[in-house]
Structure formats: C-alpha cells, structure tokens
Protein backbone atom coordinates (compact mmCIF):
# COMPACT_ATOMS: atom_id res chain seq x y z
CA UNK A 1 -47.99 -63.61 17.85
CA UNK A 2 -51.44 -65.63 17.71
CA UNK A 3 -51.24 -69.29 16.73
CA UNK A 4 -53.15 -68.72 13.53
CA UNK A 5 -50.22 -66.39 12.46
CA UNK A 6 -48.33 -67.99 9.55
CA UNK A 7 -44.60 -67.37 9.50
CA UNK A 8 -42.83 -68.40 6.40
CA UNK A 9 -39.99 -70.64 6.44
CA UNK A 10 -36.69 -69.07 5.63
CA UNK A 11 -34.03 -71.49 4.28
CA UNK A 12 -30.57 -70.02 4.82
CA UNK A 13 -27.91 -72.19 2.84
CA UNK A 14 -24.70 -72.26 5.27
CA UNK A 15 -22.55 -74.03 2.73
CA UNK A 16 -22.41 -70.85 0.24
CA UNK A 17 -21.14 -67.78 1.68
CA UNK A 18 -21.52 -65.29 -1.13
CA UNK A 19 -21.80 -61.46 -0.66
CA UNK A 20 -23.32 -59.37 -3.10
CA UNK A 21 -24.18 -55.34 -3.08
CA UNK A 22 -27.69 -54.95 -2.22
CA UNK A 23 -29.60 -52.13 -3.92
CA UNK A 24 -30.71 -49.30 -1.58
CA UNK A 25 -34.17 -48.88 -0.65
CA UNK A 26 -36.19 -45.60 -1.53
CA UNK A 27 -37.16 -45.51 2.25
CA UNK A 28 -33.70 -45.50 3.67
CA UNK A 29 -32.33 -42.34 5.60
CA UNK A 30 -29.21 -41.40 7.09
CA UNK A 31 -27.24 -44.13 6.01
CA UNK A 32 -30.09 -46.83 6.57
CA UNK A 33 -30.74 -49.28 3.90
CA UNK A 34 -33.09 -52.40 3.14
CA UNK A 35 -31.47 -55.36 1.54
CA UNK A 36 -33.49 -57.55 -0.67
CA UNK A 37 -31.33 -60.44 0.05
CA UNK A 38 -28.12 -60.58 2.29
CA UNK A 39 -25.55 -63.16 2.99
CA UNK A 40 -28.17 -65.60 4.11
CA UNK A 41 -30.46 -65.22 0.94
CA UNK A 42 -33.97 -63.66 0.97
CA UNK A 43 -34.40 -61.93 4.30
CA UNK A 44 -37.46 -61.51 6.44
CA UNK A 45 -37.69 -58.54 9.09
CA UNK A 46 -36.81 -59.82 12.60
CA UNK A 47 -36.16 -63.45 11.55
CA UNK A 48 -32.96 -65.00 12.88
CA UNK A 49 -30.53 -66.06 10.39
CA UNK A 50 -31.70 -63.39 7.85
CA UNK A 51 -30.49 -59.87 7.02
CA UNK A 52 -32.65 -57.31 5.51
CA UNK A 53 -31.32 -54.34 7.25
CA UNK A 54 -33.49 -54.40 10.31
CA UNK A 55 -31.14 -56.63 12.19
CA UNK A 56 -27.52 -57.49 12.20
CA UNK A 57 -26.23 -60.37 10.23
CA UNK A 58 -27.72 -63.66 11.95
CA UNK A 59 -29.07 -61.56 14.67
CA UNK A 60 -32.45 -60.52 16.02
CA UNK A 61 -33.84 -57.64 13.90
CA UNK A 62 -36.15 -54.79 14.90
CA UNK A 63 -39.66 -55.56 13.62
CA UNK A 64 -41.33 -52.41 11.91
CA UNK A 65 -38.12 -50.38 11.78
CA UNK A 66 -36.37 -51.46 8.30
CA UNK A 67 -33.09 -49.89 7.99
CA UNK A 68 -33.02 -48.74 11.87
CA UNK A 69 -30.20 -48.39 14.13
CA UNK A 70 -29.37 -52.08 13.96
CA UNK A 71 -28.55 -52.10 10.35
CA UNK A 72 -25.57 -54.00 8.98
CA UNK A 73 -23.26 -51.19 7.77
CA UNK A 74 -22.93 -52.61 4.50
CA UNK A 75 -23.21 -49.35 2.39
CA UNK A 76 -20.77 -47.33 4.14
CA UNK A 77 -17.75 -48.85 2.60
CA UNK A 78 -19.06 -48.29 -0.71
CA UNK A 79 -20.14 -44.79 0.06
CA UNK A 80 -16.58 -44.04 1.81
CA UNK A 81 -14.72 -45.41 -1.34
CA UNK A 82 -17.19 -43.47 -3.67
CA UNK A 83 -15.96 -40.33 -1.93
CA UNK A 84 -12.45 -41.16 -1.73
CA UNK A 85 -12.53 -41.71 -5.50
CA UNK A 86 -13.86 -38.08 -6.14
CA UNK A 87 -11.31 -36.86 -3.63
CA UNK A 88 -8.56 -38.66 -5.49
CA UNK A 89 -10.12 -37.47 -8.82
CA UNK A 90 -10.02 -33.90 -7.45
CA UNK A 91 -6.30 -33.86 -6.50
CA UNK A 92 -5.66 -35.48 -9.75
CA UNK A 93 -7.31 -32.55 -11.57
CA UNK A 94 -5.51 -30.02 -9.50
CA UNK A 95 -2.16 -31.85 -10.09
CA UNK A 96 -2.62 -31.97 -13.82
CA UNK A 97 -4.02 -28.13 -13.99
CA UNK A 98 -0.65 -27.07 -12.46
CA UNK A 99 1.15 -28.89 -15.30
CA UNK A 100 1.95 -27.56 -18.94
CA UNK A 101 0.22 -29.97 -21.45
CA UNK A 102 2.44 -31.14 -24.37
CA UNK A 103 3.92 -30.42 -27.02
CA UNK A 104 6.97 -28.67 -25.80
CA UNK A 105 9.89 -27.20 -27.81
CA UNK A 106 13.27 -28.63 -26.64
CA UNK A 107 16.45 -27.08 -28.03
CA UNK A 108 20.04 -28.39 -27.07
CA UNK A 109 22.20 -25.42 -26.19
CA UNK A 110 25.54 -27.35 -25.26
CA UNK A 111 27.41 -30.38 -25.82
CA UNK A 112 25.39 -33.66 -25.52
CA UNK A 113 25.28 -35.22 -22.20
CA UNK A 114 25.77 -31.89 -20.33
CA UNK A 115 22.06 -31.57 -19.80
CA UNK A 116 22.28 -28.17 -21.32
CA UNK A 117 18.83 -28.04 -22.88
CA UNK A 118 16.06 -25.45 -22.97
CA UNK A 119 12.48 -26.47 -22.86
CA UNK A 120 9.76 -23.91 -23.62
CA UNK A 121 6.27 -24.12 -24.02
CA UNK A 122 5.32 -22.75 -27.51
CA UNK A 123 1.71 -21.41 -26.18
CA UNK A 124 3.14 -19.61 -23.19
CA UNK A 125 5.83 -18.08 -25.75
CA UNK A 126 3.06 -16.72 -27.86
CA UNK A 127 1.31 -15.18 -24.95
CA UNK A 128 4.51 -13.51 -23.77
CA UNK A 129 5.06 -12.02 -27.43
CA UNK A 130 1.86 -10.16 -27.10
CA UNK A 131 2.65 -8.78 -23.65
CA UNK A 132 6.27 -7.64 -24.85
CA UNK A 133 5.28 -5.85 -28.07
CA UNK A 134 7.25 -2.58 -28.73
CA UNK A 135 5.37 0.43 -29.31
CA UNK A 136 5.45 2.30 -32.72
CA UNK A 137 8.52 4.54 -33.10
CA UNK A 138 7.82 8.35 -33.71
CA UNK A 139 8.72 9.73 -36.98
CA UNK A 140 12.60 10.76 -37.07
CA UNK A 141 13.64 14.36 -37.13
CA UNK A 142 16.33 16.33 -37.88
CA UNK A 143 19.51 16.95 -35.61
CA UNK A 144 20.00 20.33 -37.25
CA UNK A 145 18.70 23.78 -35.76
CA UNK A 146 19.26 25.36 -32.08
CA UNK A 147 19.94 23.29 -29.13
CA UNK A 148 17.41 22.88 -26.49
CA UNK A 149 19.48 24.45 -23.90
CA UNK A 150 19.37 27.62 -25.57
CA UNK A 151 15.58 27.69 -26.21
CA UNK A 152 14.23 26.11 -22.97
CA UNK A 153 15.07 26.88 -19.54
CA UNK A 154 16.43 24.15 -17.01
CA UNK A 155 17.48 21.60 -19.55
CA UNK A 156 20.12 19.78 -17.57
CA UNK A 157 20.58 16.58 -19.12
CA UNK A 158 19.42 16.83 -22.83
CA UNK A 159 20.56 20.19 -23.80
CA UNK A 160 22.73 19.26 -26.44
CA UNK A 161 19.93 17.88 -28.57
CA UNK A 162 18.28 19.95 -31.16
CA UNK A 163 14.92 21.37 -30.23
CA UNK A 164 13.23 18.98 -32.55
CA UNK A 165 15.04 15.87 -31.06
CA UNK A 166 14.31 17.18 -27.71
CA UNK A 167 10.57 17.66 -28.36
CA UNK A 168 10.53 14.11 -29.94
CA UNK A 169 12.10 12.38 -26.98
CA UNK A 170 9.98 14.04 -24.52
CA UNK A 171 7.00 12.89 -26.39
CA UNK A 172 8.44 9.36 -26.56
CA UNK A 173 9.18 9.31 -22.70
CA UNK A 174 5.28 10.33 -22.16
CA UNK A 175 3.99 7.45 -24.37
CA UNK A 176 6.55 5.15 -22.40
CA UNK A 177 6.01 6.13 -18.96
CA UNK A 178 2.74 8.24 -18.53
CA UNK A 179 0.49 8.04 -21.45
CA UNK A 180 -2.62 8.64 -19.47
CA UNK A 181 -1.18 11.33 -17.30
CA UNK A 182 0.68 13.06 -20.03
CA UNK A 183 3.21 15.98 -19.61
CA UNK A 184 1.55 17.01 -16.21
CA UNK A 185 2.89 13.89 -14.67
CA UNK A 186 6.20 15.67 -14.49
CA UNK A 187 5.77 19.34 -15.15
CA UNK A 188 3.46 21.05 -12.98
CA UNK A 189 0.82 23.81 -14.21
CA UNK A 190 2.34 24.11 -17.55
CA UNK A 191 5.69 25.46 -16.17
CA UNK A 192 7.93 23.21 -17.89
CA UNK A 193 11.07 24.69 -16.26
CA UNK A 194 9.99 24.27 -12.75
CA UNK A 195 11.19 21.26 -10.64
CA UNK A 196 8.20 21.48 -8.29
CA UNK A 197 7.20 17.69 -8.79
CA UNK A 198 9.45 15.16 -7.59
CA UNK A 199 8.47 12.93 -10.41
CA UNK A 200 10.72 15.41 -12.69
CA UNK A 201 13.59 15.10 -10.42
CA UNK A 202 13.41 11.25 -10.61
CA UNK A 203 12.72 11.20 -14.39
CA UNK A 204 15.82 13.44 -14.82
CA UNK A 205 17.94 11.01 -12.90
CA UNK A 206 16.22 8.03 -14.62
CA UNK A 207 17.37 9.49 -18.17
CA UNK A 208 21.02 9.75 -16.84
CA UNK A 209 20.84 6.21 -15.49
CA UNK A 210 19.51 4.93 -18.85
CA UNK A 211 22.40 6.64 -20.74
CA UNK A 212 24.82 5.34 -18.38
CA UNK A 213 23.83 1.70 -18.80
CA UNK A 214 23.91 2.12 -22.78
CA UNK A 215 27.37 3.60 -22.48
CA UNK A 216 28.93 1.59 -19.67
CA UNK A 217 27.29 -1.75 -19.55
CA UNK A 218 27.50 -3.20 -23.09
CA UNK A 219 28.97 -6.12 -21.50
CA UNK A 220 25.24 -6.87 -20.56
CA UNK A 221 23.03 -4.84 -22.67
CA UNK A 222 25.31 -4.99 -25.74
CA UNK A 223 24.04 -2.92 -28.69
CA UNK A 224 20.38 -3.85 -28.13
CA UNK A 225 20.45 -1.24 -25.07
CA UNK A 226 17.71 0.00 -22.87
CA UNK A 227 15.11 2.94 -23.08
CA UNK A 228 12.43 3.99 -20.30
CA UNK A 229 9.89 1.54 -21.99
CA UNK A 230 12.35 -1.49 -21.30
CA UNK A 231 11.32 -1.25 -17.57
CA UNK A 232 7.99 1.03 -17.56
CA UNK A 233 6.10 -0.56 -20.10
CA UNK A 234 3.49 2.33 -20.32
CA UNK A 235 3.16 2.62 -16.44
CA UNK A 236 4.52 5.53 -14.26
CA UNK A 237 6.19 2.90 -11.96
CA UNK A 238 7.80 -0.21 -13.25
CA UNK A 239 5.87 -3.36 -12.47
CA UNK A 240 8.97 -5.10 -10.84
CA UNK A 241 10.73 -3.38 -7.82
CA UNK A 242 11.98 -4.43 -4.83
CA UNK A 243 12.27 -2.99 -1.19
CA UNK A 244 13.96 -4.15 1.85
CA UNK A 245 11.48 -6.17 4.22
CA UNK A 246 11.39 -6.29 7.86
CA UNK A 247 12.73 -9.10 9.53
CA UNK A 248 10.26 -12.01 10.43
CA UNK A 249 9.16 -12.02 14.05
CA UNK A 250 11.75 -13.83 16.07
CA UNK A 251 11.75 -15.53 19.54
CA UNK A 252 8.83 -16.44 21.78
CA UNK A 253 6.85 -19.49 20.61
CA UNK A 254 7.83 -19.04 17.07
CA UNK A 255 11.46 -19.83 18.11
CA UNK A 256 14.57 -18.27 16.15
CA UNK A 257 13.81 -18.27 12.58
CA UNK A 258 17.17 -17.00 11.37
CA UNK A 259 15.62 -14.77 8.73
CA UNK A 260 13.66 -17.57 6.90
CA UNK A 261 10.86 -20.30 7.56
CA UNK A 262 8.38 -17.44 6.83
CA UNK A 263 6.77 -18.29 3.41
CA UNK A 264 7.06 -15.18 1.31
CA UNK A 265 6.18 -14.52 -2.66
CA UNK A 266 9.65 -13.18 -2.91
CA UNK A 267 11.08 -16.84 -2.80
CA UNK A 268 8.05 -18.44 -4.08
CA UNK A 269 6.20 -19.05 -0.86
CA UNK A 270 9.20 -21.18 0.50
CA UNK A 271 10.94 -21.25 3.71
CA UNK A 272 14.30 -19.81 2.26
CA UNK A 273 15.47 -16.61 3.55
CA UNK A 274 12.68 -13.95 2.90
CA UNK A 275 15.19 -11.38 1.35
CA UNK A 276 17.83 -12.61 -0.95
CA UNK A 277 18.15 -9.24 -2.86
CA UNK A 278 19.71 -6.81 -0.38
CA UNK A 279 22.75 -8.84 0.29
CA UNK A 280 23.32 -9.37 -3.47
CA UNK A 281 22.12 -6.66 -5.14
CA UNK A 282 22.89 -3.68 -2.54
CA UNK A 283 25.38 -5.07 -0.09
CA UNK A 284 27.59 -6.75 -2.70
CA UNK A 285 27.91 -9.90 -0.97
CA UNK A 286 29.84 -12.68 -2.84
CA UNK A 287 27.67 -15.30 -4.32
CA UNK A 288 29.83 -18.00 -4.48
CA UNK A 289 29.32 -20.90 -1.80
CA UNK A 290 31.95 -23.19 -2.39
CA UNK A 291 35.66 -22.70 -1.68
CA UNK A 292 37.88 -22.16 -4.62
CA UNK A 293 40.72 -23.32 -2.62
CA UNK A 294 41.97 -27.27 -2.02
CA UNK A 295 42.65 -26.36 1.61
CA UNK A 296 40.27 -23.46 2.80
CA UNK A 297 41.83 -21.18 5.53
CA UNK A 298 40.32 -19.60 8.50
CA UNK A 299 38.77 -16.84 6.39
CA UNK A 300 36.93 -19.04 4.07
CA UNK A 301 33.12 -19.08 4.71
CA UNK A 302 33.03 -22.95 3.82
CA UNK A 303 34.74 -23.67 7.30
CA UNK A 304 31.75 -21.88 8.78
CA UNK A 305 28.78 -24.36 8.63
CA UNK A 306 25.93 -22.04 9.99
CA UNK A 307 26.82 -19.08 7.61
CA UNK A 308 27.48 -21.51 4.82
CA UNK A 309 24.25 -23.13 5.06
CA UNK A 310 22.21 -20.10 5.30
CA UNK A 311 24.15 -18.51 2.60
CA UNK A 312 23.57 -21.45 0.13
CA UNK A 313 19.73 -21.06 0.94
CA UNK A 314 20.10 -17.41 0.12
CA UNK A 315 21.96 -18.27 -3.22
CA UNK A 316 19.29 -20.73 -4.25
CA UNK A 317 16.62 -18.08 -3.63
CA UNK A 318 18.64 -15.63 -5.74
CA UNK A 319 18.85 -18.41 -8.59
CA UNK A 320 15.24 -18.75 -8.29
CA UNK A 321 14.64 -15.27 -8.96
CA UNK A 322 16.72 -15.26 -11.92
CA UNK A 323 15.16 -18.11 -13.48
CA UNK A 324 11.79 -16.77 -12.99
CA UNK A 325 12.57 -13.24 -14.06
CA UNK A 326 14.17 -14.56 -17.45
CA UNK A 327 11.67 -17.64 -17.88
CA UNK A 328 14.55 -20.20 -18.01
CA UNK A 329 16.09 -22.70 -16.09
CA UNK A 330 19.17 -23.41 -14.63
CA UNK A 331 21.05 -24.83 -17.79
CA UNK A 332 20.68 -21.63 -19.67
CA UNK A 333 23.71 -20.46 -18.05
CA UNK A 334 25.01 -23.50 -16.28
CA UNK A 335 26.52 -27.01 -17.11
CA UNK A 336 24.67 -29.46 -14.86
CA UNK A 337 27.65 -31.45 -14.70
CA UNK A 338 29.47 -28.81 -12.59
CA UNK A 339 27.56 -25.58 -11.94
CA UNK A 340 30.55 -23.81 -10.30
CA UNK A 341 32.97 -24.58 -13.31
CA UNK A 342 32.98 -21.68 -16.04
CA UNK A 343 34.92 -23.72 -18.48
CA UNK A 344 31.75 -25.56 -19.48
CA UNK A 345 29.15 -22.91 -18.81
CA UNK A 346 27.32 -21.02 -21.51
CA UNK A 347 28.35 -17.49 -22.47
CA UNK A 348 24.87 -16.46 -21.11
CA UNK A 349 26.60 -16.81 -17.58
CA UNK A 350 29.04 -14.37 -18.60
CA UNK A 351 26.41 -11.82 -19.48
CA UNK A 352 24.68 -12.57 -16.09
CA UNK A 353 27.61 -12.06 -14.15
CA UNK A 354 28.01 -8.47 -15.69
CA UNK A 355 24.27 -8.14 -15.16
CA UNK A 356 24.57 -8.62 -11.46
CA UNK A 357 27.46 -6.08 -11.24
CA UNK A 358 25.20 -3.53 -13.28
CA UNK A 359 22.17 -4.01 -11.17
CA UNK A 360 24.48 -3.12 -7.98
CA UNK A 361 25.74 -0.05 -9.75
CA UNK A 362 22.47 1.22 -10.71
CA UNK A 363 20.91 0.59 -6.95
CA UNK A 364 23.84 2.21 -5.33
CA UNK A 365 24.49 5.10 -7.86
CA UNK A 366 21.03 6.04 -8.81
CA UNK A 367 18.35 4.52 -7.15
CA UNK A 368 19.04 4.31 -3.41
CA UNK A 369 20.20 7.91 -3.21
CA UNK A 370 16.62 9.16 -4.43
CA UNK A 371 15.47 8.29 -1.04
CA UNK A 372 15.14 11.79 -0.05
CA UNK A 373 13.47 12.77 -3.29
CA UNK A 374 10.30 10.27 -2.96
CA UNK A 375 7.45 11.05 -0.85
CA UNK A 376 7.07 8.80 2.26
CA UNK A 377 4.26 6.77 0.68
CA UNK A 378 6.54 5.85 -2.37
CA UNK A 379 9.11 4.50 0.19
CA UNK A 380 9.35 0.83 1.55
CA UNK A 381 8.26 -0.40 4.68
CA UNK A 382 11.90 0.31 6.00
CA UNK A 383 11.94 3.73 4.37
CA UNK A 384 14.17 2.93 1.53
CA UNK A 385 13.66 3.66 -2.21
CA UNK A 386 12.35 1.34 -4.86
CA UNK A 387 15.17 -0.56 -6.23
CA UNK A 388 16.03 -2.63 -9.42
CA UNK A 389 16.72 -6.31 -10.14
CA UNK A 390 16.58 -8.76 -12.94
CA UNK A 391 12.67 -8.88 -13.35
CA UNK A 392 12.51 -5.10 -13.51
CA UNK A 393 13.97 -5.07 -17.15
CA UNK A 394 13.25 -8.72 -18.28
CA UNK A 395 9.88 -9.33 -16.91
CA UNK A 396 9.86 -13.11 -17.67
CA UNK A 397 11.80 -13.07 -21.09
CA UNK A 398 15.58 -13.99 -21.26
CA UNK A 399 15.91 -10.86 -23.33
CA UNK A 400 13.77 -7.96 -22.48
CA UNK A 401 11.14 -7.18 -25.17
CA UNK A 402 12.11 -10.35 -27.10
CA UNK A 403 15.54 -8.78 -27.86
CA UNK A 404 14.12 -5.94 -29.90
CA UNK A 405 16.22 -2.78 -29.74
CA UNK A 406 14.51 0.62 -29.19
CA UNK A 407 17.60 2.27 -28.72
CA UNK A 408 18.26 2.65 -32.46
CA UNK A 409 15.45 4.99 -32.78
CA UNK A 410 16.86 6.89 -30.11
CA UNK A 411 20.45 7.19 -30.28
CA UNK A 412 20.26 10.26 -27.91
CA UNK A 413 19.95 7.76 -25.11
CA UNK A 414 23.02 5.79 -26.19
CA UNK A 415 25.51 8.07 -24.26
CA UNK A 416 25.38 11.06 -22.16
CA UNK A 417 25.74 14.21 -23.81
CA UNK A 418 28.77 16.68 -23.18
CA UNK A 419 26.61 18.78 -20.86
CA UNK A 420 25.22 16.18 -18.88
CA UNK A 421 28.57 14.25 -18.26
CA UNK A 422 29.68 16.48 -15.64
CA UNK A 423 26.57 15.70 -13.58
CA UNK A 424 26.96 11.99 -13.88
CA UNK A 425 27.93 9.91 -10.98
CA UNK A 426 31.25 8.06 -11.22
CA UNK A 427 29.86 4.46 -12.16
CA UNK A 428 31.52 1.27 -11.37
CA UNK A 429 33.71 0.16 -14.37
CA UNK A 430 31.91 -2.26 -16.46
CA UNK A 431 33.82 -5.69 -16.96
CA UNK A 432 36.66 -4.32 -14.79
CA UNK A 433 38.52 -7.08 -12.56
CA UNK A 434 36.53 -7.47 -9.50
CA UNK A 435 37.85 -5.77 -6.43
CA UNK A 436 37.65 -6.88 -2.98
CA UNK A 437 33.96 -6.10 -2.50
CA UNK A 438 33.10 -7.91 -5.74
CA UNK A 439 34.96 -11.16 -4.81
CA UNK A 440 37.64 -12.52 -6.60
CA UNK A 441 37.48 -15.77 -8.91
CA UNK A 442 38.26 -18.05 -5.87
CA UNK A 443 35.39 -16.66 -4.19
CA UNK A 444 32.68 -15.49 -6.36
CA UNK A 445 33.40 -16.96 -9.93
CA UNK A 446 34.63 -13.27 -11.28
CA UNK A 447 34.90 -13.19 -15.13
CA UNK A 448 37.51 -11.38 -16.96
CA UNK A 449 37.67 -7.80 -18.53
CA UNK A 450 36.54 -8.97 -21.73
CA UNK A 451 33.59 -11.31 -21.93
CA UNK A 452 34.92 -14.44 -23.67
CA UNK A 453 38.24 -14.98 -22.29
CA UNK A 454 38.55 -18.34 -20.52
CA UNK A 455 40.57 -19.75 -17.55
CA UNK A 456 39.70 -22.92 -15.37
CA UNK A 457 41.99 -22.26 -12.27
CA UNK A 458 39.40 -21.22 -9.50
CA UNK A 459 36.57 -21.60 -11.80
CA UNK A 460 36.69 -17.75 -11.80
CA UNK A 461 36.61 -16.93 -15.36
CA UNK A 462 34.17 -17.39 -18.19
CA UNK A 463 34.77 -19.54 -21.22
CA UNK A 464 35.41 -18.32 -24.83
CA UNK A 465 32.49 -20.19 -25.79
CA UNK A 466 29.99 -23.09 -24.52
CA UNK A 467 32.15 -26.05 -23.42
CA UNK A 468 35.47 -24.46 -24.39
CA UNK A 469 38.55 -26.53 -22.73
CA UNK A 470 40.58 -24.76 -20.24
CA UNK A 471 43.80 -26.09 -21.60
CA UNK A 472 43.24 -25.06 -25.30
CA UNK A 473 41.31 -21.96 -24.95
CA UNK A 474 42.95 -19.83 -22.31
CA UNK A 475 43.43 -16.24 -23.63
CA UNK A 476 43.70 -14.59 -20.43
CA UNK A 477 44.13 -15.24 -16.64
CA UNK A 478 42.30 -13.24 -13.85
CA UNK A 479 44.63 -13.07 -10.94
CA UNK A 480 42.78 -13.26 -7.52
CA UNK A 481 41.73 -10.07 -6.21
C-alpha cells in the first residue's frame, strides 16, 4: 500500500452488540454471502474489526474475495431452519393426508359410558354405496312346466327347477360371475352337458355351498341370505380370498422370527404373525386367550407364557381382519369395559361368532376339498385351494351389499332341492353347542344354540340384548363342552 492511499476510518461501537440478518449479495455462491453491515457496523474488506463476509468477525479478511472461504457462516443457520420448516410442513401434510376430515357421523350403540359408539365417515359411506350396488333383477318366470332334469342332460343340482326357472338362474349366474366370457366360461364348445371345464365343476359345488349357507347358517345370514354375486361382484374369481402362506425365513442372521416380524399385508404390514387365517378359519383353533377359570389348570394355555403371547398376537391380527373386512371398530361387537364378557356385548358379537363357525365349515367342507379340481396355476404357494374369510362377502361393509337381499328374487337358492340333497356334504350344525374342537365357553366364548340367550358364567354365552344383565336375563345356560 502506497503512502498516498487513503484508508477510511472505521468506527466500531463496542458498547452496543446487536445482530441483524444481513441481505445476501447477488454475487454470493456456494453458501458465501456479503454482509452490508455486521456486528461491528459498516464493514470494509480486510479491515480488522469489520465483517463483510470476507473475513471472520474481528479477524483479518481476505482482500478481493468477498464471500470467500473465510466467510462468517451467518446464513447457514437460516438456510438450515428454512429447510427444516419445509420438512416439518411436508411431514404435517402427510400426517393430515392420512386423516379423515370432519364432520363424522357418531352413533351410540349401547349404554352410555361403555364406549359402544360407531363413528362413520359419510363421504366414504357414499363411495361404498356406489361400489356395493345390487344389479337389476331378471324378470320373474313361472315355476310350472317340465323340470330341467327331464329336458337337459347332466343337471345334478338344479334339476327340480322348471325349465324357465333353470334358464333364468343360469342367465343370472352368468351376469353375476362371468359377464364378459358368458356361458363359455363354464361350458365348452356349446356342449352344455359336458363337464370338460373345471370351472363348471367348481360352479356346481358353489351352488351347493350357496344353498347350504342359506338353509343352514341363518344364525349368520338371517333371511337376507347370499347369492353368487355376494362374493363375485361380476368377477370370475372373488376379489378377496386367502391362501396359506409359506413361513418367513428363519435362522441365520435373521434369527428366529417365530412366524412374525415380517411385515405382511395380511396384518396391515405390522410385525404380527403373518398368517392368522389358517389357525382360526381352517384348523379351528380356539380364539379365547384369557382363561375362564379362577384357577387355571395345567392344560390351560394361560399358564404357557410363550404360547399365550403369540396366541394373543394372532388373535389381535384376526380382530384387525374383522374390523377391516366390515369397516367397523371394536365396539361394533364388544363392550370396551370388558371385551371378554358376553353380557355387555352387542348382539352383533353373536352373529360374528356364528360367522366364524360358518367360514370354518365352508372352507373344510366345500372350498379346500376342491384342491384337486383346480389347475396348478389357481392354487396357492403351498398348493392349497382358495378359501373364504370375512372379507370375501363383506368387502368393507358390516352387511354385504348394504344389507340388500338378492335371495328374495331367487328363492331357488334358499335351500337345496330334493335331488341335490343327496349330494350335499353333511355340514356342521349351525348354532349347535360347540364341541371339543370348537372350544367351550370357558375357553372360546361359545354362544348358545339360539342367538339371544344369555349367561354370564364363564363369559361363554351371548346376551339377549346389548347390555343385558346376567342375573335377570338368563334364559339358558350352556355347559362347558
């Protein structure tokens, strides 16, 4: 610097230490900035005690390099905070997107203070109503005239119907199951009497299953009943079926997973046991976890901690399936004050109990025995046949198809005809006292022969009505076993 060079005097007031955010220079790059006045007031490049972005606070600057490597990182916290705010805003947006906006419809279903409240989203209910519309009925026909078995060949199930009734039902089944492929989905090459296609063999068995449900399991389907459309909804294969799943990988670095800790869509991508269906809907394992005895004996699972813990998790996974399949919460069936007690539960719990028994019956008597009829590509990963569970019929509603009965227009599906009865598999007796495999009241919350009888001992019997007192409303007592 020459003697003639004039350096302006910089006055730095040390008594007032104020910090303000400095505007960023248009020349700054890569996080560098130029401060128009730092802590020490107006700054000058390279002047001790000044801060312009070229030098650290009260330190020597780097002449000619505004915003260079020695810049005081005053902008970094602000940039970091701004980025953090965007992250927080994005997370809040995702959180709110997973919530349902109000208003909601709240309906009290039981006594006050029991938490028996059903909350529904009216907008989702409207969408569900569109998805569960019932197709138009075909015009009614006469039951008079020759029987189908005397006119057509190889009519094994519906031969007692008149030709007109038989033709109408076949047309309806085509619309319910295979509207795009039509009759050829089950009948090959125009030969309607041949059993060449496996789909015809399966369809015949499904008709028998439908009449079995409507005639035997009224404790669950009541007079509403079911038809092929209840499950198929215009598709050759129902949307909701289940197969047995291979066990998750065990041992090695993964350790022993005990059939869980593998996020599965079956249990909502949680670490619950990956397959809660086989043990309950096929193997008839008892659902009750808690002991119904004051002093459990050696045979009570409540005294086996490892089994009890996993059984509890499987039970919870099954309850998640119930809730999602019916579009309801726990209090649709249970009293939240005491989930195990039948005396305070809603009548829907009785209906659900019969539904569990019905699904077991259908899987064991009708669906799983079809394993040898299906081609290999239609079987599950373990070679088992497709099976039913609650979602197969309900598909998100507490009453399939919104409770609309299609059976009234097709009474021929209400019960098997005389000629078909001899081909029917002996079913489990609906509503009968549970046997050893079905679990008795003290173990599985069994219900009485007739829905509506109540008994508190062992919490094994359902109430006459929601919240019925055990002492005043006992109409029958189901003994253990």
